[in-house]
Structure formats: structure tokens, C-alpha cells
């Protein structure tokens, strides 16, 4: 019995991985895009291991039947165990059925405001003084949350002052005070190492948490621009709903920008 359960769990887990990574884009909720080949390979390996375990269990069962009908001394057999696995399946093993089935029938949602609100924002890298080039003339200016943060707190030329910018992210409620956060979650590898980058938004009321939005506005003048005292915040002129981009786990410009 235990071997059949093991085979079933391996096969279920493998099929779930294959469905999520090979036939859908749902795997992008948990890992970066470059991990797809590894997920597919892992799914194939689990399915093959499940099949191998099932074949071994079936052969073992056939061998047991042959041995029990081969003219052995039945009185002697009653006193000895000829390899039968009479032990039950550990209860904890049944818990593995749930995540395996969830990959097949219900993919957990992507990381969002719950995760972002419980983590300190990602530390933004320091840019050398001569590392800032001129900003493009486009208005509104598409910009990432990281670039906006660096321009606000590190660019001594104050090029961001008065510029209308456009950023995309999801909504995270702010603890106390006015405003809310425009957020992106970044992955180095998978959901376990997630970090967030945030820009506080003032003006329009906050949409529902986890709603993806595109915000247009200007720097919220608080603190000394170009120093670490400058607020990483935006006075929003408009907020409109947006679809979650396929590169949602990177702080990249929306595809098509």
C-alpha cells in the first residue's frame, strides 16, 4: 500500500508541475521565467519516478502472489514475513496530496500586498555621481520604481523635479497617514527570496489592495531632492487599472512602454 501511495504522490506532483509550467503561465507566480526549463524537467522526472515506483509495486505484488501459491509450508509461512509491507502510510504523507492537487486544479495566487506589507523595502543600489544620464523628453516619462527612487534620493542634478512620470505596480495599503503604496515584488530566484520596492502615492483614494494600476504624477515635494531625506513619493494626477504584466516579478517598465 505504501508504495502505491508513493507512486501516486510522485505522479501527481509531476503532473502538477508540468501543467503549471508547460501548459500555462501560472509558474510565473512563484519563480522567474528562466526557471521554466528546470520546472519542466522536474515534472518529467517526478512522473517517471512515479511510474517506476508503480511498476516496482506491481511486480512485488505479483511476486508475493507467486510465492504464496508455490507449495510452501503454510504453517511455516504463518510465522514469518516474506517481505509483505503491512505497515500503514504515515499520516503526514497524506498532507502532500493537497499541494499536489493544488498544482493540478487550483494555483495559489501570486505574491502581493500581504507579502509586501510585511517586508522592509528592498535597499536601492547607490549610483555613482556621474551615473545619471539625462532623462528622455517623453511626457509622461515611463520609469521604474527603482529608477524613480534613485533619481529622487541620489540625483544631485534634480532632473526629476517637475517631471510627469508614469509607473506601474500593484496597490499596497499604507499603515496610518495619507496615501498608499505603488509596489513591485522582485525575485532573485523564487517566491522564497521575494523583496519589494515601493513608492508612496498621494491624491486619489487607494484602489483595492493587489490591484495593478498605472499611476501618472509628479514627485511629492517633501525633503531635499537629491538626498536620502527626499520622500520617495508621488502626487498622482491619475490612477487607472492595468493588467498584471508578464514581467510582474521584476521592476521593469511595462511591456510595450
C-alpha atoms as a PDB file:
ATOM      1  CA  UNK A   1       0.000   0.000   0.000  1.00  0.00           C
ATOM      2  CA  UNK A   2       2.766   2.432   0.928  1.00  0.00           C
ATOM      3  CA  UNK A   3       4.497   2.030  -2.434  1.00  0.00           C
ATOM      4  CA  UNK A   4       1.280   2.721  -4.340  1.00  0.00           C
ATOM      5  CA  UNK A   5       0.738   5.919  -2.343  1.00  0.00           C
ATOM      6  CA  UNK A   6       4.326   6.981  -3.017  1.00  0.00           C
ATOM      7  CA  UNK A   7       3.852   6.343  -6.731  1.00  0.00           C
ATOM      8  CA  UNK A   8       0.622   8.338  -6.755  1.00  0.00           C
ATOM      9  CA  UNK A   9       2.158  11.307  -4.933  1.00  0.00           C
ATOM     10  CA  UNK A  10       5.158  11.396  -7.252  1.00  0.00           C
ATOM     11  CA  UNK A  11       2.948  11.244 -10.332  1.00  0.00           C
ATOM     12  CA  UNK A  12       0.524  13.881  -9.022  1.00  0.00           C
ATOM     13  CA  UNK A  13       3.344  16.250  -8.146  1.00  0.00           C
ATOM     14  CA  UNK A  14       4.979  15.758 -11.534  1.00  0.00           C
ATOM     15  CA  UNK A  15       1.746  16.265 -13.467  1.00  0.00           C
ATOM     16  CA  UNK A  16       1.019  19.396 -11.432  1.00  0.00           C
ATOM     17  CA  UNK A  17       4.436  20.849 -12.256  1.00  0.00           C
ATOM     18  CA  UNK A  18       4.012  20.032 -15.922  1.00  0.00           C
ATOM     19  CA  UNK A  19       0.555  21.586 -16.102  1.00  0.00           C
ATOM     20  CA  UNK A  20       1.712  24.763 -14.370  1.00  0.00           C
ATOM     21  CA  UNK A  21       4.991  25.229 -16.220  1.00  0.00           C
ATOM     22  CA  UNK A  22       4.395  23.636 -19.622  1.00  0.00           C
ATOM     23  CA  UNK A  23       0.790  24.472 -20.468  1.00  0.00           C
ATOM     24  CA  UNK A  24       0.161  27.713 -18.543  1.00  0.00           C
ATOM     25  CA  UNK A  25       1.982  30.831 -17.362  1.00  0.00           C
ATOM     26  CA  UNK A  26       0.988  30.231 -13.738  1.00  0.00           C
ATOM     27  CA  UNK A  27       4.519  29.235 -12.786  1.00  0.00           C
ATOM     28  CA  UNK A  28       5.434  32.927 -13.089  1.00  0.00           C
ATOM     29  CA  UNK A  29       3.551  33.469  -9.817  1.00  0.00           C
ATOM     30  CA  UNK A  30       6.256  31.618  -7.923  1.00  0.00           C
ATOM     31  CA  UNK A  31       9.533  31.693  -9.899  1.00  0.00           C
ATOM     32  CA  UNK A  32      11.324  33.731 -12.527  1.00  0.00           C
ATOM     33  CA  UNK A  33      10.783  32.975 -16.210  1.00  0.00           C
ATOM     34  CA  UNK A  34      14.238  31.434 -16.595  1.00  0.00           C
ATOM     35  CA  UNK A  35      13.281  28.636 -14.199  1.00  0.00           C
ATOM     36  CA  UNK A  36      10.746  27.153 -16.621  1.00  0.00           C
ATOM     37  CA  UNK A  37      13.052  24.501 -18.171  1.00  0.00           C
ATOM     38  CA  UNK A  38      14.037  23.285 -14.696  1.00  0.00           C
ATOM     39  CA  UNK A  39      10.382  23.013 -13.657  1.00  0.00           C
ATOM     40  CA  UNK A  40       9.508  21.038 -16.795  1.00  0.00           C
ATOM     41  CA  UNK A  41      12.471  18.715 -16.244  1.00  0.00           C
ATOM     42  CA  UNK A  42      11.485  18.246 -12.581  1.00  0.00           C
ATOM     43  CA  UNK A  43       7.904  17.436 -13.574  1.00  0.00           C
ATOM     44  CA  UNK A  44       9.035  14.822 -16.110  1.00  0.00           C
ATOM     45  CA  UNK A  45      11.408  13.277 -13.561  1.00  0.00           C
ATOM     46  CA  UNK A  46       8.694  13.033 -10.896  1.00  0.00           C
ATOM     47  CA  UNK A  47       6.274  11.379 -13.328  1.00  0.00           C
ATOM     48  CA  UNK A  48       8.928   8.867 -14.388  1.00  0.00           C
ATOM     49  CA  UNK A  49       9.767   8.120 -10.743  1.00  0.00           C
ATOM     50  CA  UNK A  50       6.073   7.616 -10.034  1.00  0.00           C
ATOM     51  CA  UNK A  51       5.752   5.199 -12.935  1.00  0.00           C
ATOM     52  CA  UNK A  52       8.874   3.325 -11.831  1.00  0.00           C
ATOM     53  CA  UNK A  53       7.561   3.061  -8.274  1.00  0.00           C
ATOM     54  CA  UNK A  54       4.177   1.818  -9.516  1.00  0.00           C
ATOM     55  CA  UNK A  55       5.866  -0.820 -11.710  1.00  0.00           C
ATOM     56  CA  UNK A  56       8.007  -1.955  -8.778  1.00  0.00           C
ATOM     57  CA  UNK A  57       4.943  -2.176  -6.541  1.00  0.00           C
ATOM     58  CA  UNK A  58       3.035  -4.169  -9.170  1.00  0.00           C
ATOM     59  CA  UNK A  59       5.947  -6.593  -9.669  1.00  0.00           C
ATOM     60  CA  UNK A  60       6.335  -7.006  -5.939  1.00  0.00           C
ATOM     61  CA  UNK A  61       2.656  -7.810  -5.621  1.00  0.00           C
ATOM     62  CA  UNK A  62       2.938 -10.375  -8.410  1.00  0.00           C
ATOM     63  CA  UNK A  63       5.965 -11.967  -6.763  1.00  0.00           C
ATOM     64  CA  UNK A  64       4.085 -12.190  -3.468  1.00  0.00           C
ATOM     65  CA  UNK A  65       1.177 -13.971  -5.135  1.00  0.00           C
ATOM     66  CA  UNK A  66       3.518 -16.430  -6.866  1.00  0.00           C
ATOM     67  CA  UNK A  67       5.336 -17.152  -3.617  1.00  0.00           C
ATOM     68  CA  UNK A  68       2.142 -17.710  -1.668  1.00  0.00           C
ATOM     69  CA  UNK A  69       0.879 -20.290  -4.179  1.00  0.00           C
ATOM     70  CA  UNK A  70       4.102 -22.259  -4.710  1.00  0.00           C
ATOM     71  CA  UNK A  71       3.611 -25.158  -2.294  1.00  0.00           C
ATOM     72  CA  UNK A  72       5.350 -23.689   0.700  1.00  0.00           C
ATOM     73  CA  UNK A  73       4.756 -24.967   4.181  1.00  0.00           C
ATOM     74  CA  UNK A  74       1.801 -22.775   5.176  1.00  0.00           C
ATOM     75  CA  UNK A  75       2.366 -23.424   8.831  1.00  0.00           C
ATOM     76  CA  UNK A  76       5.882 -22.128   8.459  1.00  0.00           C
ATOM     77  CA  UNK A  77       4.694 -19.107   6.449  1.00  0.00           C
ATOM     78  CA  UNK A  78       2.352 -18.015   9.231  1.00  0.00           C
ATOM     79  CA  UNK A  79       5.319 -17.466  11.491  1.00  0.00           C
ATOM     80  CA  UNK A  80       7.474 -15.484   9.096  1.00  0.00           C
ATOM     81  CA  UNK A  81       7.078 -12.359   6.997  1.00  0.00           C
ATOM     82  CA  UNK A  82       8.130 -12.910   3.375  1.00  0.00           C
ATOM     83  CA  UNK A  83       8.562  -9.233   2.527  1.00  0.00           C
ATOM     84  CA  UNK A  84       4.943  -8.136   2.777  1.00  0.00           C
ATOM     85  CA  UNK A  85       4.632  -4.457   3.713  1.00  0.00           C
ATOM     86  CA  UNK A  86       1.840  -4.478   6.260  1.00  0.00           C
ATOM     87  CA  UNK A  87       2.709  -1.058   7.646  1.00  0.00           C
ATOM     88  CA  UNK A  88       0.296   1.764   7.013  1.00  0.00           C
ATOM     89  CA  UNK A  89       1.003   5.011   5.229  1.00  0.00           C
ATOM     90  CA  UNK A  90       2.243   7.724   7.612  1.00  0.00           C
ATOM     91  CA  UNK A  91      -0.480  10.293   8.193  1.00  0.00           C
ATOM     92  CA  UNK A  92       1.814  13.158   7.312  1.00  0.00           C
ATOM     93  CA  UNK A  93       2.230  11.685   3.833  1.00  0.00           C
ATOM     94  CA  UNK A  94      -1.424  12.357   3.079  1.00  0.00           C
ATOM     95  CA  UNK A  95      -0.780  16.089   3.585  1.00  0.00           C
ATOM     96  CA  UNK A  96       1.367  16.017   0.459  1.00  0.00           C
ATOM     97  CA  UNK A  97      -1.742  15.231  -1.566  1.00  0.00           C
ATOM     98  CA  UNK A  98      -3.085  18.760  -1.076  1.00  0.00           C
ATOM     99  CA  UNK A  99      -0.224  20.727  -2.672  1.00  0.00           C
ATOM    100  CA  UNK A 100      -0.002  18.156  -5.456  1.00  0.00           C
ATOM    101  CA  UNK A 101      -3.713  18.530  -6.227  1.00  0.00           C
ATOM    102  CA  UNK A 102      -3.500  22.329  -5.951  1.00  0.00           C
ATOM    103  CA  UNK A 103      -0.937  22.410  -8.759  1.00  0.00           C
ATOM    104  CA  UNK A 104      -3.339  20.414 -10.900  1.00  0.00           C
ATOM    105  CA  UNK A 105      -6.625  22.167 -10.147  1.00  0.00           C
ATOM    106  CA  UNK A 106      -6.015  25.416  -8.253  1.00  0.00           C
ATOM    107  CA  UNK A 107      -2.878  27.513  -8.492  1.00  0.00           C
ATOM    108  CA  UNK A 108      -2.309  29.694  -5.401  1.00  0.00           C
ATOM    109  CA  UNK A 109      -2.347  33.425  -6.197  1.00  0.00           C
ATOM    110  CA  UNK A 110       0.743  35.457  -6.936  1.00  0.00           C
ATOM    111  CA  UNK A 111       2.569  37.279  -4.161  1.00  0.00           C
ATOM    112  CA  UNK A 112       1.067  40.667  -3.469  1.00  0.00           C
ATOM    113  CA  UNK A 113       0.274  43.291  -0.863  1.00  0.00           C
ATOM    114  CA  UNK A 114       0.186  40.806   2.031  1.00  0.00           C
ATOM    115  CA  UNK A 115       3.818  39.918   1.396  1.00  0.00           C
ATOM    116  CA  UNK A 116       4.915  43.475   0.604  1.00  0.00           C
ATOM    117  CA  UNK A 117       3.349  44.980   3.725  1.00  0.00           C
ATOM    118  CA  UNK A 118       5.294  42.595   5.977  1.00  0.00           C
ATOM    119  CA  UNK A 119       8.720  43.173   4.500  1.00  0.00           C
ATOM    120  CA  UNK A 120      11.146  46.059   4.651  1.00  0.00           C
ATOM    121  CA  UNK A 121      11.576  47.658   1.216  1.00  0.00           C
ATOM    122  CA  UNK A 122      14.493  46.443  -0.874  1.00  0.00           C
ATOM    123  CA  UNK A 123      17.597  48.588  -0.461  1.00  0.00           C
ATOM    124  CA  UNK A 124      18.157  50.520  -3.680  1.00  0.00           C
ATOM    125  CA  UNK A 125      21.710  50.416  -5.012  1.00  0.00           C
ATOM    126  CA  UNK A 126      23.777  53.589  -4.813  1.00  0.00           C
ATOM    127  CA  UNK A 127      24.517  55.111  -8.202  1.00  0.00           C
ATOM    128  CA  UNK A 128      27.805  56.880  -8.821  1.00  0.00           C
ATOM    129  CA  UNK A 129      27.526  60.658  -9.101  1.00  0.00           C
ATOM    130  CA  UNK A 130      28.262  60.538 -12.820  1.00  0.00           C
ATOM    131  CA  UNK A 131      25.967  57.548 -13.332  1.00  0.00           C
ATOM    132  CA  UNK A 132      22.813  59.547 -14.080  1.00  0.00           C
ATOM    133  CA  UNK A 133      22.297  60.425 -17.700  1.00  0.00           C
ATOM    134  CA  UNK A 134      19.747  62.946 -18.976  1.00  0.00           C
ATOM    135  CA  UNK A 135      16.140  61.875 -18.750  1.00  0.00           C
ATOM    136  CA  UNK A 136      14.239  61.276 -22.004  1.00  0.00           C
ATOM    137  CA  UNK A 137      11.994  64.117 -23.094  1.00  0.00           C
ATOM    138  CA  UNK A 138       8.847  61.959 -23.125  1.00  0.00           C
ATOM    139  CA  UNK A 139       5.953  63.201 -21.024  1.00  0.00           C
ATOM    140  CA  UNK A 140       4.690  61.407 -19.097  1.00  0.00           C
ATOM    141  CA  UNK A 141       8.013  59.640 -18.627  1.00  0.00           C
ATOM    142  CA  UNK A 142       7.783  55.834 -18.156  1.00  0.00           C
ATOM    143  CA  UNK A 143      10.056  54.934 -15.255  1.00  0.00           C
ATOM    144  CA  UNK A 144      10.572  52.016 -12.893  1.00  0.00           C
ATOM    145  CA  UNK A 145      10.058  52.330  -9.165  1.00  0.00           C
ATOM    146  CA  UNK A 146      13.759  51.703  -8.570  1.00  0.00           C
ATOM    147  CA  UNK A 147      14.850  54.370 -11.047  1.00  0.00           C
ATOM    148  CA  UNK A 148      12.401  56.847  -9.554  1.00  0.00           C
ATOM    149  CA  UNK A 149      13.764  56.144  -6.063  1.00  0.00           C
ATOM    150  CA  UNK A 150      17.343  56.624  -7.227  1.00  0.00           C
ATOM    151  CA  UNK A 151      16.524  59.846  -9.045  1.00  0.00           C
ATOM    152  CA  UNK A 152      14.701  61.245  -6.020  1.00  0.00           C
ATOM    153  CA  UNK A 153      17.317  60.391  -3.407  1.00  0.00           C
ATOM    154  CA  UNK A 154      20.612  60.316  -5.307  1.00  0.00           C
ATOM    155  CA  UNK A 155      20.474  62.502  -8.419  1.00  0.00           C
ATOM    156  CA  UNK A 156      22.014  65.826  -7.366  1.00  0.00           C
ATOM    157  CA  UNK A 157      21.031  67.395 -10.711  1.00  0.00           C
ATOM    158  CA  UNK A 158      17.395  67.094  -9.569  1.00  0.00           C
ATOM    159  CA  UNK A 159      16.352  66.154 -13.078  1.00  0.00           C
ATOM    160  CA  UNK A 160      13.162  64.532 -11.778  1.00  0.00           C
ATOM    161  CA  UNK A 161      11.846  67.829 -10.372  1.00  0.00           C
ATOM    162  CA  UNK A 162       8.673  68.901 -12.133  1.00  0.00           C
ATOM    163  CA  UNK A 163       8.677  65.924 -14.473  1.00  0.00           C
ATOM    164  CA  UNK A 164       5.472  63.999 -15.006  1.00  0.00           C
ATOM    165  CA  UNK A 165       6.254  60.310 -14.650  1.00  0.00           C
ATOM    166  CA  UNK A 166       4.335  57.105 -15.296  1.00  0.00           C
ATOM    167  CA  UNK A 167       4.788  53.979 -13.196  1.00  0.00           C
ATOM    168  CA  UNK A 168       3.019  50.645 -12.981  1.00  0.00           C
ATOM    169  CA  UNK A 169       2.679  48.364  -9.958  1.00  0.00           C
ATOM    170  CA  UNK A 170       0.120  46.951  -7.569  1.00  0.00           C
ATOM    171  CA  UNK A 171      -1.586  48.595  -4.609  1.00  0.00           C
ATOM    172  CA  UNK A 172      -0.394  48.032  -1.046  1.00  0.00           C
ATOM    173  CA  UNK A 173      -2.193  49.824   1.808  1.00  0.00           C
ATOM    174  CA  UNK A 174      -0.116  52.216   3.928  1.00  0.00           C
ATOM    175  CA  UNK A 175      -0.070  51.938   7.715  1.00  0.00           C
ATOM    176  CA  UNK A 176      -1.569  55.163   9.046  1.00  0.00           C
ATOM    177  CA  UNK A 177      -1.457  58.580   7.475  1.00  0.00           C
ATOM    178  CA  UNK A 178      -2.409  59.528   3.967  1.00  0.00           C
ATOM    179  CA  UNK A 179      -1.700  57.734   0.766  1.00  0.00           C
ATOM    180  CA  UNK A 180      -0.929  54.183  -0.267  1.00  0.00           C
ATOM    181  CA  UNK A 181       1.950  52.359  -1.912  1.00  0.00           C
ATOM    182  CA  UNK A 182       2.606  51.524  -5.519  1.00  0.00           C
ATOM    183  CA  UNK A 183       4.575  48.299  -5.249  1.00  0.00           C
ATOM    184  CA  UNK A 184       6.623  45.811  -7.189  1.00  0.00           C
ATOM    185  CA  UNK A 185       7.885  42.492  -5.842  1.00  0.00           C
ATOM    186  CA  UNK A 186      11.277  41.319  -7.047  1.00  0.00           C
ATOM    187  CA  UNK A 187      12.531  37.740  -7.182  1.00  0.00           C
ATOM    188  CA  UNK A 188      16.129  36.630  -7.363  1.00  0.00           C
ATOM    189  CA  UNK A 189      15.063  33.038  -7.890  1.00  0.00           C
ATOM    190  CA  UNK A 190      11.684  32.172  -6.425  1.00  0.00           C
ATOM    191  CA  UNK A 191       8.964  33.377  -4.060  1.00  0.00           C
ATOM    192  CA  UNK A 192      11.057  32.438  -1.017  1.00  0.00           C
ATOM    193  CA  UNK A 193      13.512  35.293  -1.637  1.00  0.00           C
ATOM    194  CA  UNK A 194      10.948  37.952  -2.565  1.00  0.00           C
ATOM    195  CA  UNK A 195      11.691  41.616  -1.863  1.00  0.00           C
ATOM    196  CA  UNK A 196       9.614  44.697  -2.542  1.00  0.00           C
ATOM    197  CA  UNK A 197      10.181  48.214  -3.822  1.00  0.00           C
ATOM    198  CA  UNK A 198       7.565  50.878  -3.042  1.00  0.00           C
ATOM    199  CA  UNK A 199       6.604  54.428  -3.932  1.00  0.00           C
ATOM    200  CA  UNK A 200       4.062  56.224  -1.755  1.00  0.00           C
ATOM    201  CA  UNK A 201       1.169  57.726  -3.689  1.00  0.00           C
ATOM    202  CA  UNK A 202      -0.815  60.769  -2.581  1.00  0.00           C
ATOM    203  CA  UNK A 203      -4.011  62.098  -4.090  1.00  0.00           C
ATOM    204  CA  UNK A 204      -6.650  59.684  -5.402  1.00  0.00           C
ATOM    205  CA  UNK A 205      -8.147  57.184  -2.991  1.00  0.00           C
ATOM    206  CA  UNK A 206      -6.449  53.823  -2.879  1.00  0.00           C
ATOM    207  CA  UNK A 207      -7.896  51.132  -5.152  1.00  0.00           C
ATOM    208  CA  UNK A 208      -8.414  47.674  -3.724  1.00  0.00           C
ATOM    209  CA  UNK A 209      -5.218  46.001  -2.433  1.00  0.00           C
ATOM    210  CA  UNK A 210      -3.363  43.954  -5.070  1.00  0.00           C
ATOM    211  CA  UNK A 211      -4.998  45.870  -7.917  1.00  0.00           C
ATOM    212  CA  UNK A 212      -2.487  46.559 -10.675  1.00  0.00           C
ATOM    213  CA  UNK A 213      -2.537  50.220 -11.663  1.00  0.00           C
ATOM    214  CA  UNK A 214      -0.668  52.734 -13.771  1.00  0.00           C
ATOM    215  CA  UNK A 215      -0.053  55.992 -11.943  1.00  0.00           C
ATOM    216  CA  UNK A 216       0.792  59.331 -13.551  1.00  0.00           C
ATOM    217  CA  UNK A 217       2.080  62.175 -11.400  1.00  0.00           C
ATOM    218  CA  UNK A 218       4.977  64.263 -10.147  1.00  0.00           C
ATOM    219  CA  UNK A 219       7.372  63.969  -7.225  1.00  0.00           C
ATOM    220  CA  UNK A 220       5.738  64.731  -3.874  1.00  0.00           C
ATOM    221  CA  UNK A 221       7.896  67.602  -2.621  1.00  0.00           C
ATOM    222  CA  UNK A 222       8.940  66.506   0.844  1.00  0.00           C
ATOM    223  CA  UNK A 223      12.561  66.682   1.967  1.00  0.00           C
ATOM    224  CA  UNK A 224      15.599  67.743  -0.012  1.00  0.00           C
ATOM    225  CA  UNK A 225      15.537  66.366  -3.532  1.00  0.00           C
ATOM    226  CA  UNK A 226      18.706  64.503  -4.452  1.00  0.00           C
ATOM    227  CA  UNK A 227      19.406  63.379  -0.874  1.00  0.00           C
ATOM    228  CA  UNK A 228      18.338  60.460   1.295  1.00  0.00           C
ATOM    229  CA  UNK A 229      15.943  62.850   3.071  1.00  0.00           C
ATOM    230  CA  UNK A 230      13.748  63.194  -0.015  1.00  0.00           C
ATOM    231  CA  UNK A 231      10.454  61.331   0.178  1.00  0.00           C
ATOM    232  CA  UNK A 232      10.038  58.514  -2.319  1.00  0.00           C
ATOM    233  CA  UNK A 233       6.515  59.620  -3.088  1.00  0.00           C
ATOM    234  CA  UNK A 234       4.299  60.798  -5.888  1.00  0.00           C
ATOM    235  CA  UNK A 235       1.451  63.297  -6.197  1.00  0.00           C
ATOM    236  CA  UNK A 236      -0.822  61.352  -8.515  1.00  0.00           C
ATOM    237  CA  UNK A 237      -2.742  63.126 -11.243  1.00  0.00           C
ATOM    238  CA  UNK A 238      -4.362  59.939 -12.491  1.00  0.00           C
ATOM    239  CA  UNK A 239      -4.660  56.292 -11.490  1.00  0.00           C
ATOM    240  CA  UNK A 240      -6.011  53.729 -13.903  1.00  0.00           C
ATOM    241  CA  UNK A 241      -6.309  49.978 -13.636  1.00  0.00           C
ATOM    242  CA  UNK A 242      -3.824  47.859 -15.557  1.00  0.00           C
ATOM    243  CA  UNK A 243      -3.383  44.180 -16.319  1.00  0.00           C
ATOM    244  CA  UNK A 244      -0.687  42.373 -14.393  1.00  0.00           C
ATOM    245  CA  UNK A 245       2.301  42.290 -16.759  1.00  0.00           C
ATOM    246  CA  UNK A 246       4.044  39.037 -17.549  1.00  0.00           C
ATOM    247  CA  UNK A 247       7.193  40.565 -16.073  1.00  0.00           C
ATOM    248  CA  UNK A 248       5.381  41.312 -12.820  1.00  0.00           C
ATOM    249  CA  UNK A 249       8.169  39.948 -10.615  1.00  0.00           C
ATOM    250  CA  UNK A 250      10.704  42.414 -11.970  1.00  0.00           C
ATOM    251  CA  UNK A 251      10.900  46.160 -11.539  1.00  0.00           C
ATOM    252  CA  UNK A 252      10.839  46.635 -15.286  1.00  0.00           C
ATOM    253  CA  UNK A 253       8.949  49.037 -17.446  1.00  0.00           C
ATOM    254  CA  UNK A 254       5.601  47.600 -18.525  1.00  0.00           C
ATOM    255  CA  UNK A 255       5.979  45.643 -21.733  1.00  0.00           C
ATOM    256  CA  UNK A 256       5.134  47.917 -24.626  1.00  0.00           C
ATOM    257  CA  UNK A 257       6.247  51.098 -22.880  1.00  0.00           C
END
